[in-house]
Amino acid sequence: MVKVGISLGDPTGISPEILLKSINKLPKKNIVYIVYGSKKVLEKTAKKLNVKYSFKDIESVDEINKAGWYLLNLFDEDFEEGKPSVLSGRACVIYLENTVKDILEKKTDAIVTLPISKRWIMESGFNYAGHTDYLADVSKTKEYAMVLMCKKLKVGLITTHIPLKEVPKSITKEKIVSKVKLINTELREKFAIQKPKIALLGLNPHASDNGNIGDEEDKIIIPAVEELLKEKIDITYPLSPDTAFNRYKDFDFYVAMYHDQGLIPLKLMCFRKAVNITFGLPFIRTSPDHGTGYDIAGKNIADPSSFIEATKLAIKLVYNTQNKNLHQNV
């Protein structure tokens, strides 16, 4: 059986709704789903949605001996939709910490993390600004990459959530080389792509137009590419960002220099279907590509598509890393 741990995320956001809407749309055969969350929240949401569900209550993953849905009831408060607080931030942290504890102890095979609020987890005393930094720290992972993907496109970022003015000074040859090498390895090992074709974007308009619009390409990006080519990695020289995505069928992966450069095209092509995955962790972690949705929480209009895709991807990657079903197109 494949065991998938699901951290409920913010109980005052749309996470309980999209979770319950997904139950009958996810694979069932030989799959165990363990929800780390709050029973009162799920019962209240199910009643509002008029959804029938039956999660078996457990106190430990060790109790599980057959496929199905299970609940670890960790923070049983009656939260109100759309009204986050320090208390809901603390609940997020408790769900997450227990989910991660079990994956690190190899009691589960993959985790899917539902959205949290950076503000409220930090106000509750959490020392990390989000999932990724925490996951990397507790797993002692030094090199990792934020990747978003859908069936058409996979995009990784050299820099992530930093101000645009700080991007140029944050890009180094060493960072590009290390992240691309990691991405190449993950594509081979988790996605069974034996020789990944990687497109690298330039930083400046027209990839600097031979140095006429900035010099980062000549000084930083091209030397990184040449080092990667020596490592036998199939990567392009920096492409003009405004046209590169027209060739998405030619490449297995795009590497963008900054957040919006890579994610605007991806979300344009794959809105509601995109999935966030962290490369480099010693376990499989995926998440939906959206936030807590406080403004629509409790209104029965949240779309579960991204969570469904994230969960399906986690399952497929488990099979791939266990050398099962390598023929599957993830």
C-alpha atoms as a PDB file:
ATOM      1  CA  MET A   1       0.000   0.000   0.000  1.00  0.00           C
ATOM      2  CA  VAL A   2       1.047   3.585  -0.666  1.00  0.00           C
ATOM      3  CA  LYS A   3       0.563   5.771   2.400  1.00  0.00           C
ATOM      4  CA  VAL A   4      -0.042   9.477   1.774  1.00  0.00           C
ATOM      5  CA  GLY A   5       0.047  11.893   4.702  1.00  0.00           C
ATOM      6  CA  ILE A   6      -2.115  14.995   4.260  1.00  0.00           C
ATOM      7  CA  SER A   7      -1.544  18.039   6.452  1.00  0.00           C
ATOM      8  CA  LEU A   8      -4.882  19.854   6.702  1.00  0.00           C
ATOM      9  CA  GLY A   9      -3.383  23.336   6.442  1.00  0.00           C
ATOM     10  CA  ASP A  10      -5.316  26.338   7.701  1.00  0.00           C
ATOM     11  CA  PRO A  11      -8.630  25.148   9.205  1.00  0.00           C
ATOM     12  CA  THR A  12     -10.181  28.587   8.637  1.00  0.00           C
ATOM     13  CA  GLY A  13      -9.403  28.592   4.918  1.00  0.00           C
ATOM     14  CA  ILE A  14     -10.613  26.480   2.005  1.00  0.00           C
ATOM     15  CA  SER A  15      -8.495  23.426   2.846  1.00  0.00           C
ATOM     16  CA  PRO A  16     -11.217  21.414   4.638  1.00  0.00           C
ATOM     17  CA  GLU A  17     -13.590  22.062   1.744  1.00  0.00           C
ATOM     18  CA  ILE A  18     -11.227  21.028  -1.043  1.00  0.00           C
ATOM     19  CA  LEU A  19     -10.145  17.974   0.910  1.00  0.00           C
ATOM     20  CA  LEU A  20     -13.707  16.712   1.333  1.00  0.00           C
ATOM     21  CA  LYS A  21     -14.597  17.513  -2.276  1.00  0.00           C
ATOM     22  CA  SER A  22     -11.660  15.358  -3.410  1.00  0.00           C
ATOM     23  CA  ILE A  23     -12.385  12.116  -1.564  1.00  0.00           C
ATOM     24  CA  ASN A  24     -14.253  10.387  -4.386  1.00  0.00           C
ATOM     25  CA  LYS A  25     -11.964  11.747  -7.090  1.00  0.00           C
ATOM     26  CA  LEU A  26      -8.730  10.172  -5.873  1.00  0.00           C
ATOM     27  CA  PRO A  27      -7.335   6.668  -6.483  1.00  0.00           C
ATOM     28  CA  LYS A  28      -8.608   4.090  -4.004  1.00  0.00           C
ATOM     29  CA  LYS A  29      -6.907   0.789  -4.780  1.00  0.00           C
ATOM     30  CA  ASN A  30      -4.031   0.085  -2.391  1.00  0.00           C
ATOM     31  CA  ILE A  31      -3.880   3.719  -1.256  1.00  0.00           C
ATOM     32  CA  VAL A  32      -3.964   4.898   2.356  1.00  0.00           C
ATOM     33  CA  TYR A  33      -4.774   8.540   3.072  1.00  0.00           C
ATOM     34  CA  ILE A  34      -3.921   9.846   6.538  1.00  0.00           C
ATOM     35  CA  VAL A  35      -5.336  13.302   7.336  1.00  0.00           C
ATOM     36  CA  TYR A  36      -3.516  15.195  10.078  1.00  0.00           C
ATOM     37  CA  GLY A  37      -6.192  17.637  11.181  1.00  0.00           C
ATOM     38  CA  SER A  38      -9.227  18.429  13.315  1.00  0.00           C
ATOM     39  CA  LYS A  39     -12.345  16.263  13.495  1.00  0.00           C
ATOM     40  CA  LYS A  40     -14.676  19.118  14.449  1.00  0.00           C
ATOM     41  CA  VAL A  41     -13.552  21.167  11.443  1.00  0.00           C
ATOM     42  CA  LEU A  42     -14.101  18.297   9.003  1.00  0.00           C
ATOM     43  CA  GLU A  43     -17.478  17.343  10.469  1.00  0.00           C
ATOM     44  CA  LYS A  44     -18.672  20.950  10.364  1.00  0.00           C
ATOM     45  CA  THR A  45     -17.476  21.381   6.770  1.00  0.00           C
ATOM     46  CA  ALA A  46     -19.013  18.074   5.658  1.00  0.00           C
ATOM     47  CA  LYS A  47     -22.366  19.080   7.111  1.00  0.00           C
ATOM     48  CA  LYS A  48     -22.261  22.435   5.344  1.00  0.00           C
ATOM     49  CA  LEU A  49     -21.309  20.790   2.036  1.00  0.00           C
ATOM     50  CA  ASN A  50     -23.797  17.955   2.541  1.00  0.00           C
ATOM     51  CA  VAL A  51     -20.953  15.518   1.964  1.00  0.00           C
ATOM     52  CA  LYS A  52     -20.849  12.059   3.524  1.00  0.00           C
ATOM     53  CA  TYR A  53     -17.461  10.909   4.636  1.00  0.00           C
ATOM     54  CA  SER A  54     -16.078   8.327   7.005  1.00  0.00           C
ATOM     55  CA  PHE A  55     -12.498   8.742   8.156  1.00  0.00           C
ATOM     56  CA  LYS A  56     -11.424   6.109  10.631  1.00  0.00           C
ATOM     57  CA  ASP A  57     -10.025   7.728  13.775  1.00  0.00           C
ATOM     58  CA  ILE A  58      -6.541   6.534  14.704  1.00  0.00           C
ATOM     59  CA  GLU A  59      -3.918   7.566  17.213  1.00  0.00           C
ATOM     60  CA  SER A  60      -0.960   6.311  15.186  1.00  0.00           C
ATOM     61  CA  VAL A  61      -0.194   5.346  11.590  1.00  0.00           C
ATOM     62  CA  ASP A  62       0.978   2.021  13.005  1.00  0.00           C
ATOM     63  CA  GLU A  63      -2.692   1.045  13.464  1.00  0.00           C
ATOM     64  CA  ILE A  64      -3.369   1.026   9.715  1.00  0.00           C
ATOM     65  CA  ASN A  65      -3.625  -2.357   7.995  1.00  0.00           C
ATOM     66  CA  LYS A  66      -5.756  -1.679   4.919  1.00  0.00           C
ATOM     67  CA  ALA A  67      -6.431   0.977   2.292  1.00  0.00           C
ATOM     68  CA  GLY A  68      -8.812   3.850   3.015  1.00  0.00           C
ATOM     69  CA  TRP A  69      -9.106   7.214   4.743  1.00  0.00           C
ATOM     70  CA  TYR A  70      -7.873   7.820   8.277  1.00  0.00           C
ATOM     71  CA  LEU A  71      -7.806  10.803  10.624  1.00  0.00           C
ATOM     72  CA  LEU A  72      -5.330  11.796  13.294  1.00  0.00           C
ATOM     73  CA  ASN A  73      -7.361  14.259  15.358  1.00  0.00           C
ATOM     74  CA  LEU A  74      -4.690  16.665  16.562  1.00  0.00           C
ATOM     75  CA  PHE A  75      -6.257  20.021  17.399  1.00  0.00           C
ATOM     76  CA  ASP A  76      -9.973  19.673  17.939  1.00  0.00           C
ATOM     77  CA  GLU A  77     -11.160  23.274  17.958  1.00  0.00           C
ATOM     78  CA  ASP A  78     -14.257  24.620  16.248  1.00  0.00           C
ATOM     79  CA  PHE A  79     -12.732  27.215  13.924  1.00  0.00           C
ATOM     80  CA  GLU A  80     -14.768  29.697  11.900  1.00  0.00           C
ATOM     81  CA  GLU A  81     -14.240  29.945   8.148  1.00  0.00           C
ATOM     82  CA  GLY A  82     -12.489  33.064   6.921  1.00  0.00           C
ATOM     83  CA  LYS A  83     -11.343  34.151  10.380  1.00  0.00           C
ATOM     84  CA  PRO A  84      -7.718  33.124  10.897  1.00  0.00           C
ATOM     85  CA  SER A  85      -5.979  33.730  14.197  1.00  0.00           C
ATOM     86  CA  VAL A  86      -2.959  32.820  16.262  1.00  0.00           C
ATOM     87  CA  LEU A  87      -4.892  29.717  17.320  1.00  0.00           C
ATOM     88  CA  SER A  88      -5.504  28.582  13.738  1.00  0.00           C
ATOM     89  CA  GLY A  89      -1.846  29.302  12.981  1.00  0.00           C
ATOM     90  CA  ARG A  90      -0.873  27.027  15.853  1.00  0.00           C
ATOM     91  CA  ALA A  91      -3.176  24.321  14.521  1.00  0.00           C
ATOM     92  CA  CYS A  92      -1.450  24.513  11.122  1.00  0.00           C
ATOM     93  CA  VAL A  93       1.903  23.985  12.804  1.00  0.00           C
ATOM     94  CA  ILE A  94       0.705  20.996  14.832  1.00  0.00           C
ATOM     95  CA  TYR A  95      -0.770  19.321  11.734  1.00  0.00           C
ATOM     96  CA  LEU A  96       2.429  19.931   9.797  1.00  0.00           C
ATOM     97  CA  GLU A  97       4.845  18.823  12.497  1.00  0.00           C
ATOM     98  CA  ASN A  98       3.043  15.519  12.950  1.00  0.00           C
ATOM     99  CA  THR A  99       2.810  14.916   9.203  1.00  0.00           C
ATOM    100  CA  VAL A 100       6.537  15.518   8.820  1.00  0.00           C
ATOM    101  CA  LYS A 101       7.431  13.413  11.845  1.00  0.00           C
ATOM    102  CA  ASP A 102       5.810  10.368  10.268  1.00  0.00           C
ATOM    103  CA  ILE A 103       7.399  10.849   6.837  1.00  0.00           C
ATOM    104  CA  LEU A 104      10.835  11.277   8.433  1.00  0.00           C
ATOM    105  CA  GLU A 105      10.265   8.063  10.374  1.00  0.00           C
ATOM    106  CA  LYS A 106       9.268   6.389   7.075  1.00  0.00           C
ATOM    107  CA  LYS A 107       5.784   5.588   8.321  1.00  0.00           C
ATOM    108  CA  THR A 108       4.337   7.262   5.236  1.00  0.00           C
ATOM    109  CA  ASP A 109       5.528   7.344   1.624  1.00  0.00           C
ATOM    110  CA  ALA A 110       4.661  10.907   0.606  1.00  0.00           C
ATOM    111  CA  ILE A 111       3.065  14.032   2.027  1.00  0.00           C
ATOM    112  CA  VAL A 112       0.678  16.583   0.580  1.00  0.00           C
ATOM    113  CA  THR A 113       0.552  19.902   2.402  1.00  0.00           C
ATOM    114  CA  LEU A 114      -2.586  22.003   2.190  1.00  0.00           C
ATOM    115  CA  PRO A 115      -2.200  25.811   2.274  1.00  0.00           C
ATOM    116  CA  ILE A 116      -1.138  27.727   5.371  1.00  0.00           C
ATOM    117  CA  SER A 117      -0.793  31.417   6.170  1.00  0.00           C
ATOM    118  CA  LYS A 118       2.798  32.572   6.642  1.00  0.00           C
ATOM    119  CA  ARG A 119       1.553  35.429   8.809  1.00  0.00           C
ATOM    120  CA  TRP A 120      -0.450  33.322  11.235  1.00  0.00           C
ATOM    121  CA  ILE A 121       1.993  30.460  11.652  1.00  0.00           C
ATOM    122  CA  MET A 122       4.727  32.964  12.495  1.00  0.00           C
ATOM    123  CA  GLU A 123       2.475  34.882  14.885  1.00  0.00           C
ATOM    124  CA  SER A 124       1.805  31.572  16.629  1.00  0.00           C
ATOM    125  CA  GLY A 125       5.533  31.231  17.315  1.00  0.00           C
ATOM    126  CA  PHE A 126       6.668  29.163  14.329  1.00  0.00           C
ATOM    127  CA  ASN A 127      10.199  30.136  13.305  1.00  0.00           C
ATOM    128  CA  TYR A 128       9.776  29.534   9.574  1.00  0.00           C
ATOM    129  CA  ALA A 129       8.078  31.617   6.883  1.00  0.00           C
ATOM    130  CA  GLY A 130       6.441  28.626   5.223  1.00  0.00           C
ATOM    131  CA  HIS A 131       6.507  24.957   4.391  1.00  0.00           C
ATOM    132  CA  THR A 132       9.647  24.765   2.296  1.00  0.00           C
ATOM    133  CA  ASP A 133      12.139  26.310   4.707  1.00  0.00           C
ATOM    134  CA  TYR A 134      10.826  24.152   7.527  1.00  0.00           C
ATOM    135  CA  LEU A 135      10.898  20.936   5.496  1.00  0.00           C
ATOM    136  CA  ALA A 136      14.444  21.598   4.345  1.00  0.00           C
ATOM    137  CA  ASP A 137      15.638  22.381   7.853  1.00  0.00           C
ATOM    138  CA  VAL A 138      14.115  19.418   9.679  1.00  0.00           C
ATOM    139  CA  SER A 139      15.286  17.023   6.963  1.00  0.00           C
ATOM    140  CA  LYS A 140      18.782  18.593   6.918  1.00  0.00           C
ATOM    141  CA  THR A 141      18.457  19.377   3.207  1.00  0.00           C
ATOM    142  CA  LYS A 142      20.964  21.958   1.975  1.00  0.00           C
ATOM    143  CA  GLU A 143      20.079  22.122  -1.716  1.00  0.00           C
ATOM    144  CA  TYR A 144      16.438  22.268  -2.756  1.00  0.00           C
ATOM    145  CA  ALA A 145      14.347  23.857  -5.468  1.00  0.00           C
ATOM    146  CA  MET A 146      10.815  25.177  -5.721  1.00  0.00           C
ATOM    147  CA  VAL A 147       9.118  23.582  -8.723  1.00  0.00           C
ATOM    148  CA  LEU A 148       5.642  24.072 -10.138  1.00  0.00           C
ATOM    149  CA  MET A 149       4.225  21.863 -12.805  1.00  0.00           C
ATOM    150  CA  CYS A 150       1.262  20.546 -14.751  1.00  0.00           C
ATOM    151  CA  LYS A 151       0.973  18.048 -17.587  1.00  0.00           C
ATOM    152  CA  LYS A 152       2.176  20.592 -20.145  1.00  0.00           C
ATOM    153  CA  LEU A 153       4.931  22.312 -18.237  1.00  0.00           C
ATOM    154  CA  LYS A 154       7.467  21.971 -15.432  1.00  0.00           C
ATOM    155  CA  VAL A 155       9.160  25.109 -14.091  1.00  0.00           C
ATOM    156  CA  GLY A 156      11.889  25.515 -11.468  1.00  0.00           C
ATOM    157  CA  LEU A 157      13.083  28.762  -9.900  1.00  0.00           C
ATOM    158  CA  ILE A 158      16.603  30.012  -9.197  1.00  0.00           C
ATOM    159  CA  THR A 159      15.244  32.661  -6.814  1.00  0.00           C
ATOM    160  CA  THR A 160      11.850  32.490  -5.130  1.00  0.00           C
ATOM    161  CA  HIS A 161      10.035  34.885  -2.802  1.00  0.00           C
ATOM    162  CA  ILE A 162      12.311  37.909  -2.805  1.00  0.00           C
ATOM    163  CA  PRO A 163      11.798  41.502  -4.034  1.00  0.00           C
ATOM    164  CA  LEU A 164      12.464  41.941  -7.732  1.00  0.00           C
ATOM    165  CA  LYS A 165      15.219  44.467  -7.036  1.00  0.00           C
ATOM    166  CA  GLU A 166      17.174  41.775  -5.187  1.00  0.00           C
ATOM    167  CA  VAL A 167      17.030  39.188  -7.963  1.00  0.00           C
ATOM    168  CA  PRO A 168      20.140  40.182  -9.976  1.00  0.00           C
ATOM    169  CA  LYS A 169      22.474  40.120  -6.959  1.00  0.00           C
ATOM    170  CA  SER A 170      20.962  36.828  -5.801  1.00  0.00           C
ATOM    171  CA  ILE A 171      21.822  34.986  -9.014  1.00  0.00           C
ATOM    172  CA  THR A 172      25.261  33.383  -9.084  1.00  0.00           C
ATOM    173  CA  LYS A 173      26.964  30.891 -11.322  1.00  0.00           C
ATOM    174  CA  GLU A 174      27.266  28.484  -8.401  1.00  0.00           C
ATOM    175  CA  LYS A 175      23.552  28.713  -7.570  1.00  0.00           C
ATOM    176  CA  ILE A 176      22.515  28.045 -11.160  1.00  0.00           C
ATOM    177  CA  VAL A 177      24.874  25.081 -11.469  1.00  0.00           C
ATOM    178  CA  SER A 178      23.818  23.464  -8.199  1.00  0.00           C
ATOM    179  CA  LYS A 179      20.077  23.909  -8.754  1.00  0.00           C
ATOM    180  CA  VAL A 180      20.178  22.666 -12.342  1.00  0.00           C
ATOM    181  CA  LYS A 181      22.192  19.613 -11.329  1.00  0.00           C
ATOM    182  CA  LEU A 182      19.631  18.892  -8.619  1.00  0.00           C
ATOM    183  CA  ILE A 183      16.747  19.354 -11.069  1.00  0.00           C
ATOM    184  CA  ASN A 184      18.405  17.055 -13.612  1.00  0.00           C
ATOM    185  CA  THR A 185      18.851  14.346 -10.969  1.00  0.00           C
ATOM    186  CA  GLU A 186      15.283  14.639  -9.670  1.00  0.00           C
ATOM    187  CA  LEU A 187      13.831  14.431 -13.191  1.00  0.00           C
ATOM    188  CA  ARG A 188      15.761  11.234 -13.788  1.00  0.00           C
ATOM    189  CA  GLU A 189      15.078   9.598 -10.441  1.00  0.00           C
ATOM    190  CA  LYS A 190      11.515  10.674  -9.677  1.00  0.00           C
ATOM    191  CA  PHE A 191      10.061  11.276 -13.139  1.00  0.00           C
ATOM    192  CA  ALA A 192      11.950   8.546 -15.025  1.00  0.00           C
ATOM    193  CA  ILE A 193      13.157  11.010 -17.685  1.00  0.00           C
ATOM    194  CA  GLN A 194      16.496   9.490 -18.620  1.00  0.00           C
ATOM    195  CA  LYS A 195      17.957  12.490 -20.494  1.00  0.00           C
ATOM    196  CA  PRO A 196      16.033  15.618 -19.488  1.00  0.00           C
ATOM    197  CA  LYS A 197      15.970  18.487 -21.949  1.00  0.00           C
ATOM    198  CA  ILE A 198      16.237  21.667 -19.881  1.00  0.00           C
ATOM    199  CA  ALA A 199      15.506  25.193 -21.102  1.00  0.00           C
ATOM    200  CA  LEU A 200      17.262  27.978 -19.206  1.00  0.00           C
ATOM    201  CA  LEU A 201      15.825  31.497 -19.307  1.00  0.00           C
ATOM    202  CA  GLY A 202      17.873  34.649 -19.415  1.00  0.00           C
ATOM    203  CA  LEU A 203      17.430  37.308 -16.764  1.00  0.00           C
ATOM    204  CA  ASN A 204      17.126  40.345 -19.043  1.00  0.00           C
ATOM    205  CA  PRO A 205      14.784  41.106 -21.951  1.00  0.00           C
ATOM    206  CA  HIS A 206      15.924  39.147 -25.023  1.00  0.00           C
ATOM    207  CA  ALA A 207      18.459  37.380 -22.780  1.00  0.00           C
ATOM    208  CA  SER A 208      20.420  40.686 -22.854  1.00  0.00           C
ATOM    209  CA  ASP A 209      20.629  40.818 -26.673  1.00  0.00           C
ATOM    210  CA  ASN A 210      24.358  39.999 -26.711  1.00  0.00           C
ATOM    211  CA  GLY A 211      25.110  42.258 -23.768  1.00  0.00           C
ATOM    212  CA  ASN A 212      23.179  45.293 -24.949  1.00  0.00           C
ATOM    213  CA  ILE A 213      20.556  44.963 -22.192  1.00  0.00           C
ATOM    214  CA  GLY A 214      22.479  43.982 -19.082  1.00  0.00           C
ATOM    215  CA  ASP A 215      25.487  41.739 -18.594  1.00  0.00           C
ATOM    216  CA  GLU A 216      24.264  38.984 -16.240  1.00  0.00           C
ATOM    217  CA  GLU A 217      23.948  36.540 -19.121  1.00  0.00           C
ATOM    218  CA  ASP A 218      27.579  36.986 -20.206  1.00  0.00           C
ATOM    219  CA  LYS A 219      29.075  37.142 -16.736  1.00  0.00           C
ATOM    220  CA  ILE A 220      26.969  34.626 -14.802  1.00  0.00           C
ATOM    221  CA  ILE A 221      24.458  32.572 -16.760  1.00  0.00           C
ATOM    222  CA  ILE A 222      26.502  31.525 -19.808  1.00  0.00           C
ATOM    223  CA  PRO A 223      29.508  30.394 -17.684  1.00  0.00           C
ATOM    224  CA  ALA A 224      27.052  28.303 -15.636  1.00  0.00           C
ATOM    225  CA  VAL A 225      25.657  26.735 -18.804  1.00  0.00           C
ATOM    226  CA  GLU A 226      29.129  25.886 -20.063  1.00  0.00           C
ATOM    227  CA  GLU A 227      29.955  24.144 -16.801  1.00  0.00           C
ATOM    228  CA  LEU A 228      26.698  22.198 -16.943  1.00  0.00           C
ATOM    229  CA  LEU A 229      27.333  21.155 -20.538  1.00  0.00           C
ATOM    230  CA  LYS A 230      30.670  19.725 -19.437  1.00  0.00           C
ATOM    231  CA  GLU A 231      28.675  17.635 -16.944  1.00  0.00           C
ATOM    232  CA  LYS A 232      26.733  16.223 -19.926  1.00  0.00           C
ATOM    233  CA  ILE A 233      23.501  17.946 -18.900  1.00  0.00           C
ATOM    234  CA  ASP A 234      21.253  18.763 -21.862  1.00  0.00           C
ATOM    235  CA  ILE A 235      20.614  22.457 -21.284  1.00  0.00           C
ATOM    236  CA  THR A 236      20.163  25.486 -23.538  1.00  0.00           C
ATOM    237  CA  TYR A 237      22.099  28.706 -23.479  1.00  0.00           C
ATOM    238  CA  PRO A 238      19.908  31.478 -21.986  1.00  0.00           C
ATOM    239  CA  LEU A 239      16.708  31.876 -23.966  1.00  0.00           C
ATOM    240  CA  SER A 240      14.741  35.075 -24.425  1.00  0.00           C
ATOM    241  CA  PRO A 241      12.058  34.819 -21.701  1.00  0.00           C
ATOM    242  CA  ASP A 242       9.302  36.382 -23.805  1.00  0.00           C
ATOM    243  CA  THR A 243       9.367  33.639 -26.458  1.00  0.00           C
ATOM    244  CA  ALA A 244      10.850  30.620 -24.678  1.00  0.00           C
ATOM    245  CA  PHE A 245       7.542  29.173 -23.524  1.00  0.00           C
ATOM    246  CA  ASN A 246       6.236  28.957 -27.087  1.00  0.00           C
ATOM    247  CA  ARG A 247       8.538  25.929 -27.371  1.00  0.00           C
ATOM    248  CA  TYR A 248       7.183  24.078 -24.341  1.00  0.00           C
ATOM    249  CA  LYS A 249       6.757  20.863 -26.342  1.00  0.00           C
ATOM    250  CA  ASP A 250      10.514  20.801 -27.029  1.00  0.00           C
ATOM    251  CA  PHE A 251      11.606  20.690 -23.389  1.00  0.00           C
ATOM    252  CA  ASP A 252      11.047  18.605 -20.278  1.00  0.00           C
ATOM    253  CA  PHE A 253      11.741  21.489 -17.918  1.00  0.00           C
ATOM    254  CA  TYR A 254      12.191  25.259 -17.733  1.00  0.00           C
ATOM    255  CA  VAL A 255      14.504  27.006 -15.282  1.00  0.00           C
ATOM    256  CA  ALA A 256      13.479  30.603 -14.576  1.00  0.00           C
ATOM    257  CA  MET A 257      15.596  33.240 -12.875  1.00  0.00           C
ATOM    258  CA  TYR A 258      12.800  34.634 -10.708  1.00  0.00           C
ATOM    259  CA  HIS A 259       9.295  33.896  -9.486  1.00  0.00           C
ATOM    260  CA  ASP A 260       6.975  35.695 -11.900  1.00  0.00           C
ATOM    261  CA  GLN A 261       9.165  34.980 -14.926  1.00  0.00           C
ATOM    262  CA  GLY A 262       8.387  31.300 -14.607  1.00  0.00           C
ATOM    263  CA  LEU A 263       5.038  31.203 -12.876  1.00  0.00           C
ATOM    264  CA  ILE A 264       3.026  33.671 -14.959  1.00  0.00           C
ATOM    265  CA  PRO A 265       3.327  31.463 -18.082  1.00  0.00           C
ATOM    266  CA  LEU A 266       2.705  28.314 -16.055  1.00  0.00           C
ATOM    267  CA  LYS A 267      -0.428  29.664 -14.400  1.00  0.00           C
ATOM    268  CA  LEU A 268      -1.669  31.030 -17.706  1.00  0.00           C
ATOM    269  CA  MET A 269      -1.397  27.563 -19.246  1.00  0.00           C
ATOM    270  CA  CYS A 270      -2.356  25.462 -16.233  1.00  0.00           C
ATOM    271  CA  PHE A 271      -4.468  27.541 -13.885  1.00  0.00           C
ATOM    272  CA  ARG A 272      -6.328  25.326 -11.348  1.00  0.00           C
ATOM    273  CA  LYS A 273      -4.257  22.286 -12.379  1.00  0.00           C
ATOM    274  CA  ALA A 274      -0.764  23.343 -11.297  1.00  0.00           C
ATOM    275  CA  VAL A 275       1.058  21.562  -8.495  1.00  0.00           C
ATOM    276  CA  ASN A 276       3.897  22.693  -6.226  1.00  0.00           C
ATOM    277  CA  ILE A 277       6.651  20.166  -5.491  1.00  0.00           C
ATOM    278  CA  THR A 278       9.890  20.600  -3.583  1.00  0.00           C
ATOM    279  CA  PHE A 279      12.914  19.033  -5.296  1.00  0.00           C
ATOM    280  CA  GLY A 280      15.819  17.879  -3.158  1.00  0.00           C
ATOM    281  CA  LEU A 281      13.996  16.665  -0.058  1.00  0.00           C
ATOM    282  CA  PRO A 282      14.643  13.072   1.072  1.00  0.00           C
ATOM    283  CA  PHE A 283      10.910  12.394   0.681  1.00  0.00           C
ATOM    284  CA  ILE A 284       8.099  13.271  -1.714  1.00  0.00           C
ATOM    285  CA  ARG A 285       6.210  16.454  -0.921  1.00  0.00           C
ATOM    286  CA  THR A 286       3.591  18.106  -3.112  1.00  0.00           C
ATOM    287  CA  SER A 287       1.004  20.810  -2.499  1.00  0.00           C
ATOM    288  CA  PRO A 288      -1.741  22.693  -4.340  1.00  0.00           C
ATOM    289  CA  ASP A 289      -0.652  25.813  -6.150  1.00  0.00           C
ATOM    290  CA  HIS A 290      -2.882  28.282  -4.317  1.00  0.00           C
ATOM    291  CA  GLY A 291      -3.319  29.910  -0.951  1.00  0.00           C
ATOM    292  CA  THR A 292      -5.720  29.707   1.974  1.00  0.00           C
ATOM    293  CA  GLY A 293      -8.622  31.431   0.174  1.00  0.00           C
ATOM    294  CA  TYR A 294     -10.035  33.135   3.257  1.00  0.00           C
ATOM    295  CA  ASP A 295     -12.294  35.290   1.076  1.00  0.00           C
ATOM    296  CA  ILE A 296     -14.186  32.266  -0.274  1.00  0.00           C
ATOM    297  CA  ALA A 297     -13.900  29.949   2.742  1.00  0.00           C
ATOM    298  CA  GLY A 298     -17.238  28.418   3.725  1.00  0.00           C
ATOM    299  CA  LYS A 299     -18.967  29.434   0.481  1.00  0.00           C
ATOM    300  CA  ASN A 300     -18.812  26.042  -1.252  1.00  0.00           C
ATOM    301  CA  ILE A 301     -17.103  27.490  -4.347  1.00  0.00           C
ATOM    302  CA  ALA A 302     -13.494  26.391  -3.809  1.00  0.00           C
ATOM    303  CA  ASP A 303     -12.037  24.311  -6.665  1.00  0.00           C
ATOM    304  CA  PRO A 304     -10.253  21.130  -5.481  1.00  0.00           C
ATOM    305  CA  SER A 305      -8.518  20.475  -8.832  1.00  0.00           C
ATOM    306  CA  SER A 306      -5.017  21.516  -7.767  1.00  0.00           C
ATOM    307  CA  PHE A 307      -5.182  19.410  -4.601  1.00  0.00           C
ATOM    308  CA  ILE A 308      -6.389  16.414  -6.591  1.00  0.00           C
ATOM    309  CA  GLU A 309      -3.513  16.809  -9.043  1.00  0.00           C
ATOM    310  CA  ALA A 310      -1.013  17.249  -6.188  1.00  0.00           C
ATOM    311  CA  THR A 311      -2.184  14.054  -4.512  1.00  0.00           C
ATOM    312  CA  LYS A 312      -2.179  12.034  -7.719  1.00  0.00           C
ATOM    313  CA  LEU A 313       1.327  13.267  -8.478  1.00  0.00           C
ATOM    314  CA  ALA A 314       2.564  12.268  -5.028  1.00  0.00           C
ATOM    315  CA  ILE A 315       1.226   8.745  -5.572  1.00  0.00           C
ATOM    316  CA  LYS A 316       2.797   8.440  -9.019  1.00  0.00           C
ATOM    317  CA  LEU A 317       6.145   9.611  -7.731  1.00  0.00           C
ATOM    318  CA  VAL A 318       6.027   6.987  -4.984  1.00  0.00           C
ATOM    319  CA  TYR A 319       5.548   4.312  -7.635  1.00  0.00           C
ATOM    320  CA  ASN A 320       8.379   5.752  -9.717  1.00  0.00           C
ATOM    321  CA  THR A 321      10.848   5.903  -6.853  1.00  0.00           C
ATOM    322  CA  GLN A 322       9.950   2.355  -5.896  1.00  0.00           C
ATOM    323  CA  ASN A 323      10.678   1.261  -9.487  1.00  0.00           C
ATOM    324  CA  LYS A 324       7.030   0.526 -10.139  1.00  0.00           C
ATOM    325  CA  ASN A 325       5.068   1.642 -13.180  1.00  0.00           C
ATOM    326  CA  LEU A 326       8.004   3.552 -14.651  1.00  0.00           C
ATOM    327  CA  HIS A 327       6.116   3.704 -17.921  1.00  0.00           C
ATOM    328  CA  GLN A 328       3.653   6.185 -16.441  1.00  0.00           C
ATOM    329  CA  ASN A 329       3.775   9.707 -17.821  1.00  0.00           C
ATOM    330  CA  VAL A 330       3.814  11.923 -14.727  1.00  0.00           C
END
